[in-house]
């Protein structure tokens, strides 16, 4: 939901591939934001800015991109040979938390939105995949001092990572 509560930003494959869209809350003025031949998913609005981060396979693998919604300026945030995605902004917009397999296993990383400096937060080396398979990567959220990762299992488990 936009900062002013007037529109919703989402992704859909209604044009043959996944693109990011914006629509007013009342259903009017539907607009395609990324009309690229690639797939763009999981838009996350940056706090206090009219900017989104999202996952795209535009460069051949899953990378994180950023777009200013006012002027549509777009650039890759993280464009590496690994798979990145499933991101969430800190409440102040200074950190982007995301999942990456650049060390060979899926782990949680953070990147400063000011300097671009990246830091690995988890170190899952013992499992084949990295992070537990049951984590709902698309659903994690950031509070002031924690990163919250719900599980797909119906056990009610939630991982909380102190920041």
N, C-alpha and C. Protein backbone atom coordinates (compact mmCIF):
# COMPACT_ATOMS: atom_id res chain seq x y z
N UNK A 1 0.86 -1.17 0.00
CA UNK A 1 0.00 0.00 0.00
C UNK A 1 0.90 1.23 0.00
N UNK A 2 0.56 2.21 -0.81
CA UNK A 2 1.35 3.44 -0.90
C UNK A 2 1.35 4.17 0.44
N UNK A 3 2.29 5.07 0.61
CA UNK A 3 2.41 5.82 1.86
C UNK A 3 1.16 6.64 2.16
N UNK A 4 0.49 7.13 1.12
CA UNK A 4 -0.72 7.92 1.35
C UNK A 4 -1.97 7.05 1.45
N UNK A 5 -1.80 5.73 1.29
CA UNK A 5 -2.93 4.81 1.41
C UNK A 5 -3.89 4.82 0.23
N UNK A 6 -3.52 5.46 -0.86
CA UNK A 6 -4.42 5.61 -2.00
C UNK A 6 -4.24 4.57 -3.10
N UNK A 7 -3.10 3.88 -3.11
CA UNK A 7 -2.87 2.90 -4.17
C UNK A 7 -2.19 1.66 -3.62
N UNK A 8 -2.25 0.62 -4.43
CA UNK A 8 -1.67 -0.67 -4.09
C UNK A 8 -0.66 -1.02 -5.17
N UNK A 9 0.51 -1.48 -4.78
CA UNK A 9 1.54 -1.90 -5.72
C UNK A 9 1.67 -3.41 -5.56
N UNK A 10 1.61 -4.13 -6.67
CA UNK A 10 1.59 -5.59 -6.64
C UNK A 10 2.22 -6.14 -7.91
N UNK A 11 2.39 -7.46 -7.97
CA UNK A 11 2.86 -8.07 -9.21
C UNK A 11 1.81 -9.05 -9.72
N UNK A 12 1.80 -9.20 -11.06
CA UNK A 12 0.82 -10.06 -11.70
C UNK A 12 1.39 -10.55 -13.02
N UNK A 13 0.91 -11.72 -13.47
CA UNK A 13 1.35 -12.24 -14.77
C UNK A 13 0.27 -12.09 -15.83
N UNK A 14 -0.59 -11.13 -15.72
CA UNK A 14 -1.70 -10.97 -16.65
C UNK A 14 -1.29 -10.61 -18.07
N UNK A 15 -0.02 -10.26 -18.30
CA UNK A 15 0.45 -9.93 -19.65
C UNK A 15 1.40 -10.99 -20.21
N UNK A 16 1.45 -12.16 -19.59
CA UNK A 16 2.28 -13.25 -20.10
C UNK A 16 3.57 -13.46 -19.33
N UNK A 17 4.00 -12.49 -18.58
CA UNK A 17 5.12 -12.64 -17.65
C UNK A 17 4.80 -11.76 -16.44
N UNK A 18 5.55 -11.93 -15.38
CA UNK A 18 5.26 -11.18 -14.17
C UNK A 18 5.78 -9.75 -14.29
N UNK A 19 4.90 -8.80 -14.02
CA UNK A 19 5.24 -7.38 -14.00
C UNK A 19 4.70 -6.76 -12.73
N UNK A 20 5.21 -5.58 -12.42
CA UNK A 20 4.73 -4.84 -11.26
C UNK A 20 3.70 -3.83 -11.73
N UNK A 21 2.63 -3.73 -10.97
CA UNK A 21 1.49 -2.88 -11.30
C UNK A 21 1.17 -1.96 -10.13
N UNK A 22 0.43 -0.90 -10.44
CA UNK A 22 -0.12 -0.01 -9.42
C UNK A 22 -1.59 0.21 -9.77
N UNK A 23 -2.44 0.19 -8.75
CA UNK A 23 -3.86 0.44 -8.93
C UNK A 23 -4.36 1.25 -7.74
N UNK A 24 -5.28 2.17 -7.98
CA UNK A 24 -5.90 2.90 -6.88
C UNK A 24 -6.70 1.93 -6.03
N UNK A 25 -6.81 2.24 -4.74
CA UNK A 25 -7.53 1.37 -3.81
C UNK A 25 -8.96 1.11 -4.27
N UNK A 26 -9.57 2.08 -4.94
CA UNK A 26 -10.95 1.90 -5.42
C UNK A 26 -11.03 1.10 -6.72
N UNK A 27 -9.89 0.63 -7.23
CA UNK A 27 -9.85 -0.18 -8.44
C UNK A 27 -9.65 0.62 -9.72
N UNK A 28 -9.61 1.93 -9.64
CA UNK A 28 -9.45 2.76 -10.83
C UNK A 28 -7.96 2.98 -11.13
N UNK A 29 -7.71 3.47 -12.32
CA UNK A 29 -6.38 3.85 -12.79
C UNK A 29 -5.33 2.77 -12.59
N UNK A 30 -5.58 1.63 -13.19
CA UNK A 30 -4.61 0.53 -13.17
C UNK A 30 -3.46 0.87 -14.12
N UNK A 31 -2.22 0.69 -13.64
CA UNK A 31 -1.04 1.06 -14.43
C UNK A 31 0.03 -0.02 -14.30
N UNK A 32 0.60 -0.43 -15.44
CA UNK A 32 1.73 -1.34 -15.41
C UNK A 32 2.99 -0.51 -15.17
N UNK A 33 3.79 -0.91 -14.20
CA UNK A 33 4.99 -0.16 -13.85
C UNK A 33 6.21 -0.71 -14.57
N UNK A 34 6.36 -2.04 -14.61
CA UNK A 34 7.45 -2.66 -15.35
C UNK A 34 6.82 -3.44 -16.50
N UNK A 35 7.02 -2.97 -17.68
CA UNK A 35 6.51 -3.66 -18.86
C UNK A 35 7.71 -4.22 -19.61
N UNK A 36 8.47 -5.04 -18.90
CA UNK A 36 9.70 -5.60 -19.44
C UNK A 36 9.44 -7.03 -19.92
N UNK A 37 10.27 -7.57 -20.81
CA UNK A 37 10.10 -8.97 -21.23
C UNK A 37 10.52 -9.96 -20.15
N UNK A 38 11.14 -9.48 -19.09
CA UNK A 38 11.57 -10.32 -17.98
C UNK A 38 10.48 -10.38 -16.92
N UNK A 39 10.77 -11.06 -15.82
CA UNK A 39 9.81 -11.20 -14.72
C UNK A 39 10.24 -10.31 -13.55
N UNK A 40 9.30 -9.55 -13.01
CA UNK A 40 9.53 -8.70 -11.86
C UNK A 40 8.49 -9.04 -10.80
N UNK A 41 8.97 -9.31 -9.59
CA UNK A 41 8.08 -9.77 -8.53
C UNK A 41 8.47 -9.14 -7.19
N UNK A 42 7.61 -9.29 -6.21
CA UNK A 42 7.83 -8.91 -4.81
C UNK A 42 8.21 -7.45 -4.61
N UNK A 43 7.41 -6.50 -5.08
CA UNK A 43 7.74 -5.08 -4.84
C UNK A 43 7.60 -4.72 -3.36
N UNK A 44 8.57 -3.98 -2.86
CA UNK A 44 8.58 -3.52 -1.47
C UNK A 44 8.80 -2.02 -1.48
N UNK A 45 7.84 -1.26 -0.96
CA UNK A 45 7.93 0.19 -0.92
C UNK A 45 8.91 0.63 0.17
N UNK A 46 9.82 1.51 -0.21
CA UNK A 46 10.81 2.02 0.74
C UNK A 46 10.14 3.05 1.65
N UNK A 47 10.35 2.96 2.96
CA UNK A 47 9.76 3.94 3.88
C UNK A 47 10.18 5.37 3.53
N UNK A 48 9.23 6.28 3.60
CA UNK A 48 9.45 7.72 3.42
C UNK A 48 9.92 8.12 2.02
N UNK A 49 9.86 7.21 1.06
CA UNK A 49 10.24 7.54 -0.32
C UNK A 49 9.25 6.88 -1.26
N UNK A 50 9.11 7.43 -2.45
CA UNK A 50 8.24 6.84 -3.45
C UNK A 50 9.08 5.93 -4.36
N UNK A 51 9.73 4.96 -3.72
CA UNK A 51 10.68 4.06 -4.36
C UNK A 51 10.35 2.63 -3.96
N UNK A 52 10.50 1.70 -4.89
CA UNK A 52 10.31 0.29 -4.58
C UNK A 52 11.59 -0.48 -4.88
N UNK A 53 11.80 -1.54 -4.11
CA UNK A 53 12.78 -2.57 -4.44
C UNK A 53 11.99 -3.77 -4.92
N UNK A 54 12.54 -4.53 -5.83
CA UNK A 54 11.84 -5.71 -6.34
C UNK A 54 12.84 -6.69 -6.92
N UNK A 55 12.39 -7.91 -7.14
CA UNK A 55 13.21 -8.97 -7.72
C UNK A 55 12.94 -9.01 -9.23
N UNK A 56 14.01 -9.12 -10.01
CA UNK A 56 13.88 -9.23 -11.46
C UNK A 56 14.89 -10.23 -12.02
N UNK A 57 14.49 -10.92 -13.09
CA UNK A 57 15.43 -11.78 -13.81
C UNK A 57 15.88 -11.12 -15.12
N UNK A 58 15.80 -9.80 -15.17
CA UNK A 58 16.14 -9.03 -16.37
C UNK A 58 17.56 -9.31 -16.88
N UNK A 59 18.51 -9.51 -15.98
CA UNK A 59 19.90 -9.75 -16.38
C UNK A 59 20.26 -11.23 -16.39
N UNK A 60 19.26 -12.11 -16.38
CA UNK A 60 19.52 -13.54 -16.53
C UNK A 60 19.50 -14.34 -15.24
N UNK A 61 19.53 -13.69 -14.11
CA UNK A 61 19.38 -14.38 -12.83
C UNK A 61 18.58 -13.47 -11.91
N UNK A 62 18.22 -13.95 -10.75
CA UNK A 62 17.40 -13.15 -9.85
C UNK A 62 18.25 -12.10 -9.14
N UNK A 63 17.95 -10.84 -9.41
CA UNK A 63 18.66 -9.72 -8.82
C UNK A 63 17.66 -8.79 -8.17
N UNK A 64 18.16 -7.88 -7.34
CA UNK A 64 17.31 -6.86 -6.73
C UNK A 64 17.49 -5.54 -7.47
N UNK A 65 16.37 -4.93 -7.79
CA UNK A 65 16.34 -3.66 -8.51
C UNK A 65 15.61 -2.64 -7.68
N UNK A 66 15.83 -1.37 -8.02
CA UNK A 66 15.12 -0.28 -7.36
C UNK A 66 14.55 0.64 -8.43
N UNK A 67 13.34 1.16 -8.18
CA UNK A 67 12.70 2.08 -9.11
C UNK A 67 12.09 3.24 -8.35
N UNK A 68 12.36 4.45 -8.84
CA UNK A 68 11.69 5.64 -8.35
C UNK A 68 10.33 5.69 -9.06
N UNK A 69 9.25 5.65 -8.31
CA UNK A 69 7.92 5.58 -8.92
C UNK A 69 7.48 6.91 -9.53
N UNK A 70 8.13 8.01 -9.16
CA UNK A 70 7.77 9.32 -9.73
C UNK A 70 8.28 9.47 -11.16
N UNK A 71 9.54 9.08 -11.39
CA UNK A 71 10.13 9.30 -12.72
C UNK A 71 10.49 8.00 -13.44
N UNK A 72 10.23 6.85 -12.81
CA UNK A 72 10.49 5.50 -13.36
C UNK A 72 11.97 5.21 -13.57
N UNK A 73 12.88 6.02 -12.99
CA UNK A 73 14.30 5.68 -13.03
C UNK A 73 14.52 4.36 -12.30
N UNK A 74 15.20 3.45 -12.98
CA UNK A 74 15.39 2.10 -12.47
C UNK A 74 16.86 1.72 -12.59
N UNK A 75 17.35 1.02 -11.57
CA UNK A 75 18.73 0.54 -11.62
C UNK A 75 18.85 -0.69 -10.72
N UNK A 76 19.84 -1.55 -11.02
CA UNK A 76 20.04 -2.73 -10.17
C UNK A 76 20.63 -2.33 -8.82
N UNK A 77 20.05 -2.82 -7.76
CA UNK A 77 20.60 -2.65 -6.41
C UNK A 77 21.70 -3.67 -6.18
N UNK A 78 21.40 -4.92 -6.52
CA UNK A 78 22.35 -6.02 -6.37
C UNK A 78 22.28 -6.84 -7.66
N UNK A 79 23.36 -6.82 -8.42
CA UNK A 79 23.44 -7.52 -9.70
C UNK A 79 24.69 -8.39 -9.66
N UNK A 80 24.50 -9.61 -9.16
CA UNK A 80 25.62 -10.53 -9.01
C UNK A 80 25.28 -11.86 -9.67
N UNK A 81 26.22 -12.78 -9.72
CA UNK A 81 25.99 -14.08 -10.34
C UNK A 81 25.20 -15.03 -9.45
N UNK A 82 24.82 -14.58 -8.30
CA UNK A 82 24.03 -15.38 -7.37
C UNK A 82 22.55 -15.02 -7.50
N UNK A 83 21.73 -15.69 -6.72
CA UNK A 83 20.30 -15.40 -6.69
C UNK A 83 19.99 -14.56 -5.46
N UNK A 84 19.36 -13.41 -5.68
CA UNK A 84 18.94 -12.56 -4.58
C UNK A 84 17.43 -12.38 -4.64
N UNK A 85 16.88 -12.05 -3.50
CA UNK A 85 15.45 -11.78 -3.51
C UNK A 85 14.85 -11.71 -2.13
N UNK A 86 13.52 -11.73 -2.11
CA UNK A 86 12.76 -11.77 -0.88
C UNK A 86 13.25 -10.72 0.11
N UNK A 87 13.07 -9.48 -0.25
CA UNK A 87 13.66 -8.40 0.53
C UNK A 87 12.64 -7.64 1.38
N UNK A 88 13.16 -6.87 2.32
CA UNK A 88 12.34 -6.01 3.15
C UNK A 88 13.21 -4.85 3.63
N UNK A 89 12.65 -3.65 3.66
CA UNK A 89 13.37 -2.47 4.13
C UNK A 89 13.29 -2.37 5.65
N UNK A 90 14.32 -1.78 6.26
CA UNK A 90 14.22 -1.42 7.67
C UNK A 90 13.20 -0.29 7.79
N UNK A 91 12.71 -0.05 8.98
CA UNK A 91 11.67 0.96 9.18
C UNK A 91 12.12 2.36 8.79
N UNK A 92 13.41 2.63 8.88
CA UNK A 92 13.91 3.95 8.49
C UNK A 92 14.41 3.99 7.04
N UNK A 93 14.36 2.86 6.34
CA UNK A 93 14.79 2.81 4.94
C UNK A 93 16.29 2.81 4.74
N UNK A 94 17.05 2.72 5.82
CA UNK A 94 18.51 2.77 5.70
C UNK A 94 19.13 1.43 5.38
N UNK A 95 18.38 0.33 5.59
CA UNK A 95 18.90 -1.01 5.34
C UNK A 95 17.90 -1.81 4.52
N UNK A 96 18.43 -2.54 3.57
CA UNK A 96 17.63 -3.50 2.81
C UNK A 96 18.08 -4.89 3.25
N UNK A 97 17.15 -5.66 3.78
CA UNK A 97 17.41 -7.04 4.18
C UNK A 97 16.94 -7.94 3.05
N UNK A 98 17.73 -8.96 2.72
CA UNK A 98 17.39 -9.81 1.58
C UNK A 98 18.02 -11.18 1.76
N UNK A 99 17.59 -12.10 0.92
CA UNK A 99 18.13 -13.45 0.90
C UNK A 99 19.04 -13.58 -0.32
N UNK A 100 20.20 -14.23 -0.14
CA UNK A 100 21.12 -14.45 -1.25
C UNK A 100 21.83 -15.79 -1.06
N UNK A 101 22.17 -16.40 -2.18
CA UNK A 101 22.97 -17.64 -2.11
C UNK A 101 24.39 -17.40 -2.64
N UNK A 102 24.90 -16.18 -2.50
CA UNK A 102 26.22 -15.89 -3.06
C UNK A 102 27.37 -16.61 -2.37
N UNK A 103 27.14 -17.13 -1.18
CA UNK A 103 28.17 -17.93 -0.54
C UNK A 103 27.92 -19.42 -0.74
N UNK A 104 26.99 -19.75 -1.63
CA UNK A 104 26.69 -21.15 -1.93
C UNK A 104 25.46 -21.69 -1.22
N UNK A 105 25.03 -21.03 -0.17
CA UNK A 105 23.84 -21.41 0.59
C UNK A 105 22.97 -20.16 0.77
N UNK A 106 21.67 -20.34 0.87
CA UNK A 106 20.79 -19.19 1.09
C UNK A 106 20.93 -18.70 2.52
N UNK A 107 21.26 -17.42 2.64
CA UNK A 107 21.42 -16.75 3.91
C UNK A 107 20.79 -15.37 3.83
N UNK A 108 20.65 -14.76 4.99
CA UNK A 108 20.09 -13.42 5.06
C UNK A 108 21.25 -12.43 5.11
N UNK A 109 21.11 -11.39 4.31
CA UNK A 109 22.09 -10.32 4.21
C UNK A 109 21.41 -9.00 4.47
N UNK A 110 22.21 -7.97 4.73
CA UNK A 110 21.67 -6.62 4.76
C UNK A 110 22.61 -5.73 3.96
N UNK A 111 22.03 -4.68 3.36
CA UNK A 111 22.81 -3.74 2.58
C UNK A 111 22.41 -2.33 2.99
N UNK A 112 23.39 -1.48 3.20
CA UNK A 112 23.13 -0.08 3.50
C UNK A 112 22.60 0.61 2.25
N UNK A 113 21.49 1.32 2.39
CA UNK A 113 20.95 2.05 1.23
C UNK A 113 21.77 3.31 0.96
N UNK A 114 22.61 3.69 1.91
CA UNK A 114 23.44 4.88 1.72
C UNK A 114 24.80 4.55 1.11
N UNK A 115 25.47 3.52 1.62
CA UNK A 115 26.83 3.21 1.15
C UNK A 115 26.89 2.00 0.22
N UNK A 116 25.86 1.14 0.26
CA UNK A 116 25.89 -0.09 -0.52
C UNK A 116 26.67 -1.21 0.13
N UNK A 117 27.21 -0.99 1.32
CA UNK A 117 27.97 -2.01 2.03
C UNK A 117 27.03 -3.14 2.42
N UNK A 118 27.47 -4.38 2.17
CA UNK A 118 26.67 -5.57 2.45
C UNK A 118 27.28 -6.36 3.61
N UNK A 119 26.40 -7.00 4.38
CA UNK A 119 26.85 -7.82 5.50
C UNK A 119 25.99 -9.06 5.59
N UNK A 120 26.62 -10.21 5.70
CA UNK A 120 25.91 -11.48 5.87
C UNK A 120 25.49 -11.61 7.33
N UNK A 121 24.20 -11.88 7.57
CA UNK A 121 23.67 -11.96 8.93
C UNK A 121 23.54 -13.38 9.44
N UNK A 122 23.27 -14.33 8.56
CA UNK A 122 23.16 -15.72 8.99
C UNK A 122 24.24 -16.53 8.30
N UNK A 123 24.52 -17.70 8.85
CA UNK A 123 25.56 -18.55 8.28
C UNK A 123 25.09 -19.99 8.31
N UNK A 124 24.15 -20.31 7.43
CA UNK A 124 23.61 -21.67 7.34
C UNK A 124 24.46 -22.47 6.36
N UNK A 125 25.44 -23.19 6.88
CA UNK A 125 26.30 -24.02 6.03
C UNK A 125 25.98 -25.49 6.15
N UNK A 126 25.35 -25.88 7.24
CA UNK A 126 25.17 -27.31 7.50
C UNK A 126 24.05 -27.94 6.68
N UNK A 127 23.04 -27.18 6.27
CA UNK A 127 21.97 -27.77 5.48
C UNK A 127 22.27 -27.64 3.99
N UNK A 128 21.68 -28.50 3.18
CA UNK A 128 21.94 -28.49 1.75
C UNK A 128 21.54 -27.18 1.09
N UNK A 129 20.48 -26.57 1.57
CA UNK A 129 19.88 -25.41 0.93
C UNK A 129 20.36 -24.11 1.55
N UNK A 130 20.67 -24.12 2.81
CA UNK A 130 21.00 -22.90 3.55
C UNK A 130 19.93 -22.68 4.58
N UNK A 131 19.20 -21.58 4.46
CA UNK A 131 18.10 -21.32 5.38
C UNK A 131 17.13 -22.49 5.37
N UNK A 132 16.45 -22.74 6.48
CA UNK A 132 15.47 -23.85 6.49
C UNK A 132 14.47 -23.72 5.35
N UNK A 133 14.21 -24.84 4.68
CA UNK A 133 13.31 -24.85 3.51
C UNK A 133 11.93 -24.30 3.80
N UNK A 134 11.51 -24.35 5.05
CA UNK A 134 10.15 -23.98 5.39
C UNK A 134 9.93 -22.48 5.52
N UNK A 135 10.98 -21.70 5.51
CA UNK A 135 10.81 -20.26 5.70
C UNK A 135 10.07 -19.65 4.52
N UNK A 136 9.10 -18.80 4.82
CA UNK A 136 8.37 -18.06 3.79
C UNK A 136 9.17 -16.80 3.47
N UNK A 137 10.10 -16.90 2.55
CA UNK A 137 10.99 -15.79 2.26
C UNK A 137 10.25 -14.54 1.82
N UNK A 138 9.15 -14.69 1.15
CA UNK A 138 8.42 -13.53 0.66
C UNK A 138 7.70 -12.79 1.76
N UNK A 139 7.67 -13.32 2.95
CA UNK A 139 6.86 -12.75 4.01
C UNK A 139 7.66 -12.14 5.14
N UNK A 140 9.00 -12.16 5.10
CA UNK A 140 9.69 -11.67 6.27
C UNK A 140 9.55 -10.16 6.40
N UNK A 141 9.61 -9.68 7.63
CA UNK A 141 9.48 -8.26 7.88
C UNK A 141 10.49 -7.83 8.93
N UNK A 142 10.72 -6.53 8.99
CA UNK A 142 11.73 -5.98 9.86
C UNK A 142 11.06 -5.07 10.88
N UNK A 143 11.36 -5.32 12.15
CA UNK A 143 10.95 -4.39 13.19
C UNK A 143 12.20 -3.62 13.61
N UNK A 144 12.11 -2.83 14.66
CA UNK A 144 13.24 -2.01 15.05
C UNK A 144 14.48 -2.83 15.39
N UNK A 145 14.31 -3.95 16.06
CA UNK A 145 15.46 -4.74 16.49
C UNK A 145 15.44 -6.18 16.03
N UNK A 146 14.49 -6.57 15.17
CA UNK A 146 14.37 -7.97 14.78
C UNK A 146 13.96 -8.12 13.32
N UNK A 147 14.35 -9.24 12.78
CA UNK A 147 13.88 -9.68 11.48
C UNK A 147 13.01 -10.90 11.74
N UNK A 148 11.79 -10.88 11.26
CA UNK A 148 10.83 -11.93 11.58
C UNK A 148 10.59 -12.78 10.34
N UNK A 149 10.81 -14.11 10.49
CA UNK A 149 10.71 -15.04 9.37
C UNK A 149 9.68 -16.12 9.69
N UNK A 150 8.47 -16.02 9.16
CA UNK A 150 7.48 -17.07 9.42
C UNK A 150 7.80 -18.34 8.63
N UNK A 151 7.33 -19.47 9.14
CA UNK A 151 7.53 -20.76 8.50
C UNK A 151 6.30 -21.19 7.72
N UNK A 152 6.51 -21.98 6.67
CA UNK A 152 5.39 -22.55 5.92
C UNK A 152 4.69 -23.64 6.71
N UNK A 153 5.41 -24.30 7.58
CA UNK A 153 4.80 -25.38 8.38
C UNK A 153 3.61 -24.84 9.15
N UNK A 154 2.69 -25.68 9.45
CA UNK A 154 1.53 -25.25 10.21
C UNK A 154 1.74 -25.49 11.71
N UNK A 155 3.00 -25.40 12.12
CA UNK A 155 3.31 -25.61 13.53
C UNK A 155 3.24 -24.32 14.33
N UNK A 156 3.16 -23.19 13.64
CA UNK A 156 3.13 -21.91 14.33
C UNK A 156 4.51 -21.37 14.65
N UNK A 157 5.57 -22.04 14.18
CA UNK A 157 6.92 -21.58 14.47
C UNK A 157 7.23 -20.30 13.72
N UNK A 158 8.00 -19.44 14.35
CA UNK A 158 8.48 -18.22 13.74
C UNK A 158 9.93 -18.06 14.14
N UNK A 159 10.80 -17.76 13.18
CA UNK A 159 12.18 -17.44 13.48
C UNK A 159 12.27 -15.95 13.73
N UNK A 160 12.98 -15.54 14.76
CA UNK A 160 13.23 -14.14 15.01
C UNK A 160 14.74 -13.96 15.10
N UNK A 161 15.27 -13.14 14.24
CA UNK A 161 16.69 -12.85 14.19
C UNK A 161 16.91 -11.48 14.80
N UNK A 162 17.65 -11.41 15.90
CA UNK A 162 17.96 -10.12 16.53
C UNK A 162 18.95 -9.37 15.66
N UNK A 163 18.71 -8.09 15.49
CA UNK A 163 19.58 -7.27 14.64
C UNK A 163 20.58 -6.49 15.46
